Amino acid sequence: MLSNGFTKAHIPAFTQARRIFVVLAGGRSLRMGSDKCLLMYEGATLLNRAETLAHGLAHSAVVLSGEPREGSLPSSIFITDLPEFHLLGPLGGIASVLQTLQKAGLRLETKTFLVLPVDMPALKLPELESLVAQLDQDPELDAVHFEASVLPLAFRPIPELLNTLYRLTHSATPDAVRNFGEFLKTSRTKVLDVSARDAAAFRNVNSPEDFRRLQTSCPKGEL
């Protein structure tokens, strides 16, 4: 079932939610050679696994950044990249979601955002819960991520962070657009330690080789 995108009908649920869970599913999958969202792993597509994981986070509304896909959950809400952010990578997807919600009248400053890429199928809910818990416990923090990767990322959409995001996504330099370090430079960010044993869960599945490595660690996956 294809979603019609974010509409006014969705505003009440997003207004009531404490958190907005954003699944980044808009990549072009150039290195993979096929749509990563539709890869099967442990009996479900990477998209469905990310959707299910997102809906498991308490007090959250879920939105997917990217083009609607057949086979997505019936409740899925897709927000495609706005023209000014098209093909600008993860930061472009995040900017499109934030601006769409803001234009719909959602008060972003009252929410915590959690961003998860669709291509990290080994991540589990406890890791994501620990990110938002850090923000809940420390009102002085603006953002939290793990040492192993800047994504997944939990953040508060403070004005400084939004201004930096929009500046980067309007930059003519592709490298600047993808620079999460620059994005977070003006924020009070906490980086959480990750054990060597758990670090593998933060690997992106970007290529057929990456996916074969994932299959080897769990033979149930299939391409």
Protein backbone atom coordinates (compact mmCIF):
# COMPACT_ATOMS: atom_id res chain seq x y z
CA MET A 1 0.00 0.00 0.00
CA LEU A 2 1.38 3.39 -0.96
CA SER A 3 1.01 6.27 1.45
CA ASN A 4 -0.26 9.63 0.24
CA GLY A 5 2.32 11.36 2.42
CA PHE A 6 1.89 13.58 5.43
CA THR A 7 -1.55 15.23 5.54
CA LYS A 8 -3.54 17.28 8.01
CA ALA A 9 -5.18 14.08 9.18
CA HIS A 10 -1.85 13.01 10.69
CA ILE A 11 -1.32 16.18 12.71
CA PRO A 12 -3.19 15.10 15.89
CA ALA A 13 -1.09 11.94 16.32
CA PHE A 14 2.15 13.84 15.69
CA THR A 15 1.08 16.62 18.06
CA GLN A 16 0.42 14.13 20.86
CA ALA A 17 3.65 12.20 20.32
CA ARG A 18 6.67 13.10 22.43
CA ARG A 19 9.04 11.79 19.79
CA ILE A 20 9.21 11.73 16.02
CA PHE A 21 10.95 8.65 14.63
CA VAL A 22 12.37 9.27 11.15
CA VAL A 23 13.42 6.28 9.04
CA LEU A 24 15.80 7.33 6.25
CA ALA A 25 14.70 5.31 3.22
CA GLY A 26 15.43 7.68 0.35
CA GLY A 27 18.90 6.61 -0.77
CA ARG A 28 19.57 5.66 -4.39
CA SER A 29 21.34 2.37 -3.48
CA LEU A 30 23.95 2.92 -6.20
CA ARG A 31 26.57 0.64 -4.67
CA MET A 32 24.01 -2.09 -3.97
CA GLY A 33 22.69 -2.05 -7.53
CA SER A 34 19.10 -2.56 -6.35
CA ASP A 35 16.77 -0.94 -3.82
CA LYS A 36 18.17 -1.68 -0.35
CA CYS A 37 14.76 -1.18 1.19
CA LEU A 38 13.48 -4.31 -0.53
CA LEU A 39 16.30 -6.66 0.51
CA MET A 40 15.05 -9.59 2.57
CA TYR A 41 16.67 -10.27 5.95
CA GLU A 42 15.31 -12.72 8.51
CA GLY A 43 12.00 -12.99 6.70
CA ALA A 44 11.29 -9.28 6.21
CA THR A 45 12.51 -6.46 3.99
CA LEU A 46 14.93 -3.97 5.44
CA LEU A 47 12.15 -1.40 5.11
CA ASN A 48 9.64 -3.49 7.06
CA ARG A 49 12.24 -4.26 9.75
CA ALA A 50 12.96 -0.54 10.20
CA GLU A 51 9.25 0.31 10.23
CA THR A 52 8.51 -2.33 12.85
CA LEU A 53 11.46 -1.20 14.97
CA ALA A 54 10.32 2.42 14.77
CA HIS A 55 6.77 1.59 15.85
CA GLY A 56 8.20 -0.19 18.88
CA LEU A 57 9.54 3.02 20.40
CA ALA A 58 7.09 4.32 23.00
CA HIS A 59 5.39 7.72 22.69
CA SER A 60 6.48 8.10 19.06
CA ALA A 61 5.00 8.99 15.71
CA VAL A 62 6.78 7.47 12.71
CA VAL A 63 7.59 8.97 9.31
CA LEU A 64 9.70 7.58 6.48
CA SER A 65 11.93 9.83 4.40
CA GLY A 66 11.86 8.75 0.76
CA GLU A 67 9.64 7.60 -2.08
CA PRO A 68 6.68 5.36 -1.15
CA ARG A 69 7.31 1.64 -1.67
CA GLU A 70 4.96 -1.21 -2.37
CA GLY A 71 5.02 -3.63 0.56
CA SER A 72 5.43 -0.96 3.23
CA LEU A 73 3.24 -1.18 6.31
CA PRO A 74 -0.31 0.17 5.76
CA SER A 75 0.25 2.80 8.45
CA SER A 76 3.42 4.15 6.84
CA ILE A 77 3.71 7.88 6.15
CA PHE A 78 6.28 8.79 3.53
CA ILE A 79 7.71 12.28 3.06
CA THR A 80 9.61 12.62 -0.20
CA ASP A 81 12.53 15.02 -0.51
CA LEU A 82 11.46 18.59 -1.17
CA PRO A 83 12.84 19.98 -4.45
CA GLU A 84 15.40 22.16 -2.69
CA PHE A 85 16.76 19.13 -0.80
CA HIS A 86 16.54 16.53 -3.58
CA LEU A 87 19.52 14.13 -3.80
CA LEU A 88 21.28 15.75 -0.83
CA GLY A 89 21.67 12.54 1.14
CA PRO A 90 20.58 11.91 4.74
CA LEU A 91 20.71 15.58 5.76
CA GLY A 92 18.48 16.44 2.80
CA GLY A 93 15.98 13.82 3.92
CA ILE A 94 16.03 15.11 7.50
CA ALA A 95 15.60 18.70 6.29
CA SER A 96 12.65 17.68 4.09
CA VAL A 97 10.91 15.96 7.00
CA LEU A 98 11.46 18.84 9.42
CA GLN A 99 10.33 21.49 6.96
CA THR A 100 7.24 19.48 5.94
CA LEU A 101 6.19 19.00 9.57
CA GLN A 102 6.90 22.63 10.37
CA LYS A 103 4.82 23.88 7.43
CA ALA A 104 1.98 21.62 8.61
CA GLY A 105 1.95 23.54 11.90
CA LEU A 106 3.80 21.07 14.13
CA ARG A 107 5.78 22.72 16.92
CA LEU A 108 9.15 21.10 16.39
CA GLU A 109 10.67 22.56 19.54
CA THR A 110 8.38 20.40 21.68
CA LYS A 111 9.65 17.13 20.17
CA THR A 112 12.62 14.81 20.29
CA PHE A 113 13.66 13.38 16.93
CA LEU A 114 15.26 9.98 16.39
CA VAL A 115 16.76 9.24 12.97
CA LEU A 116 17.52 5.71 11.79
CA PRO A 117 18.87 4.66 8.37
CA VAL A 118 16.99 1.80 6.76
CA ASP A 119 20.23 -0.11 6.09
CA MET A 120 21.19 -0.99 9.68
CA PRO A 121 19.08 -4.15 10.15
CA ALA A 122 21.15 -5.51 13.05
CA LEU A 123 20.19 -2.66 15.38
CA LYS A 124 17.72 -3.47 18.15
CA LEU A 125 15.25 -1.38 20.11
CA PRO A 126 17.33 -1.14 23.34
CA GLU A 127 20.09 0.78 21.52
CA LEU A 128 17.55 3.29 20.21
CA GLU A 129 15.82 3.60 23.57
CA SER A 130 19.16 4.41 25.19
CA LEU A 131 19.62 7.38 22.84
CA VAL A 132 16.30 9.02 23.65
CA ALA A 133 16.74 8.18 27.34
CA GLN A 134 19.90 10.28 27.40
CA LEU A 135 18.01 13.29 26.05
CA ASP A 136 15.15 12.69 28.49
CA GLN A 137 17.57 12.58 31.43
CA ASP A 138 19.66 15.60 30.50
CA PRO A 139 17.76 18.71 29.31
CA GLU A 140 21.10 20.41 28.57
CA LEU A 141 21.86 17.99 25.73
CA ASP A 142 20.91 18.74 22.12
CA ALA A 143 21.97 15.49 20.43
CA VAL A 144 23.14 11.96 21.20
CA HIS A 145 24.72 9.28 19.04
CA PHE A 146 26.98 6.26 19.43
CA GLU A 147 30.74 6.28 19.01
CA ALA A 148 30.47 3.71 16.22
CA SER A 149 28.33 5.91 13.97
CA VAL A 150 26.61 9.31 13.93
CA LEU A 151 23.45 7.42 12.87
CA PRO A 152 21.19 6.55 14.54
CA LEU A 153 20.92 10.04 15.97
CA ALA A 154 18.60 11.52 18.60
CA PHE A 155 18.32 15.30 18.68
CA ARG A 156 16.24 18.26 19.73
CA PRO A 157 15.44 20.63 16.82
CA ILE A 158 16.85 23.72 18.50
CA PRO A 159 17.13 26.85 16.31
CA GLU A 160 20.94 26.63 16.07
CA LEU A 161 20.77 23.06 14.82
CA LEU A 162 18.03 23.84 12.30
CA ASN A 163 19.90 26.88 11.01
CA THR A 164 23.03 24.80 10.48
CA LEU A 165 21.03 22.05 8.77
CA TYR A 166 19.39 24.44 6.31
CA ARG A 167 22.69 26.20 5.66
CA LEU A 168 24.41 22.91 4.82
CA THR A 169 21.59 21.68 2.64
CA HIS A 170 21.67 24.89 0.64
CA SER A 171 25.43 24.58 0.20
CA ALA A 172 26.81 24.00 -3.28
CA THR A 173 29.42 21.60 -1.89
CA PRO A 174 28.24 17.95 -1.85
CA ASP A 175 30.75 17.04 0.88
CA ALA A 176 29.41 19.80 3.14
CA VAL A 177 25.87 18.54 2.68
CA ARG A 178 26.89 15.11 3.97
CA ASN A 179 29.00 16.41 6.85
CA PHE A 180 27.23 15.38 10.06
CA GLY A 181 30.17 16.70 12.07
CA GLU A 182 29.49 20.16 10.73
CA PHE A 183 25.77 19.71 11.36
CA LEU A 184 26.37 18.90 15.03
CA LYS A 185 29.20 21.37 15.60
CA THR A 186 26.96 24.00 17.18
CA SER A 187 25.10 21.50 19.39
CA ARG A 188 25.78 20.02 22.80
CA THR A 189 26.30 16.44 21.69
CA LYS A 190 26.95 13.34 23.77
CA VAL A 191 28.69 10.33 22.24
CA LEU A 192 27.93 6.95 23.78
CA ASP A 193 30.51 4.18 23.99
CA VAL A 194 30.00 0.97 22.06
CA SER A 195 31.72 -2.31 22.88
CA ALA A 196 33.71 -4.10 20.18
CA ARG A 197 31.14 -6.89 20.28
CA ASP A 198 28.25 -4.52 19.59
CA ALA A 199 29.98 -2.35 17.00
CA ALA A 200 28.99 -4.67 14.13
CA ALA A 201 25.33 -3.72 14.61
CA PHE A 202 26.16 -0.20 13.40
CA ARG A 203 27.46 -1.28 9.99
CA ASN A 204 25.52 0.01 7.02
CA VAL A 205 24.51 -2.43 4.30
CA ASN A 206 25.68 -0.45 1.26
CA SER A 207 26.90 -3.09 -1.18
CA PRO A 208 26.31 -6.75 -2.10
CA GLU A 209 29.50 -7.56 -0.18
CA ASP A 210 28.10 -5.86 2.94
CA PHE A 211 24.90 -7.85 2.59
CA ARG A 212 26.75 -11.15 2.13
CA ARG A 213 28.68 -10.36 5.31
CA LEU A 214 25.37 -9.79 7.10
CA GLN A 215 24.02 -13.08 5.73
CA THR A 216 27.09 -14.91 6.99
CA SER A 217 26.48 -13.61 10.49
CA CYS A 218 22.87 -14.79 10.23
CA PRO A 219 22.12 -17.30 7.45
CA LYS A 220 18.40 -16.47 7.44
CA GLY A 221 19.02 -13.37 5.36
CA GLU A 222 18.43 -13.62 1.63
CA LEU A 223 19.14 -11.36 -1.30
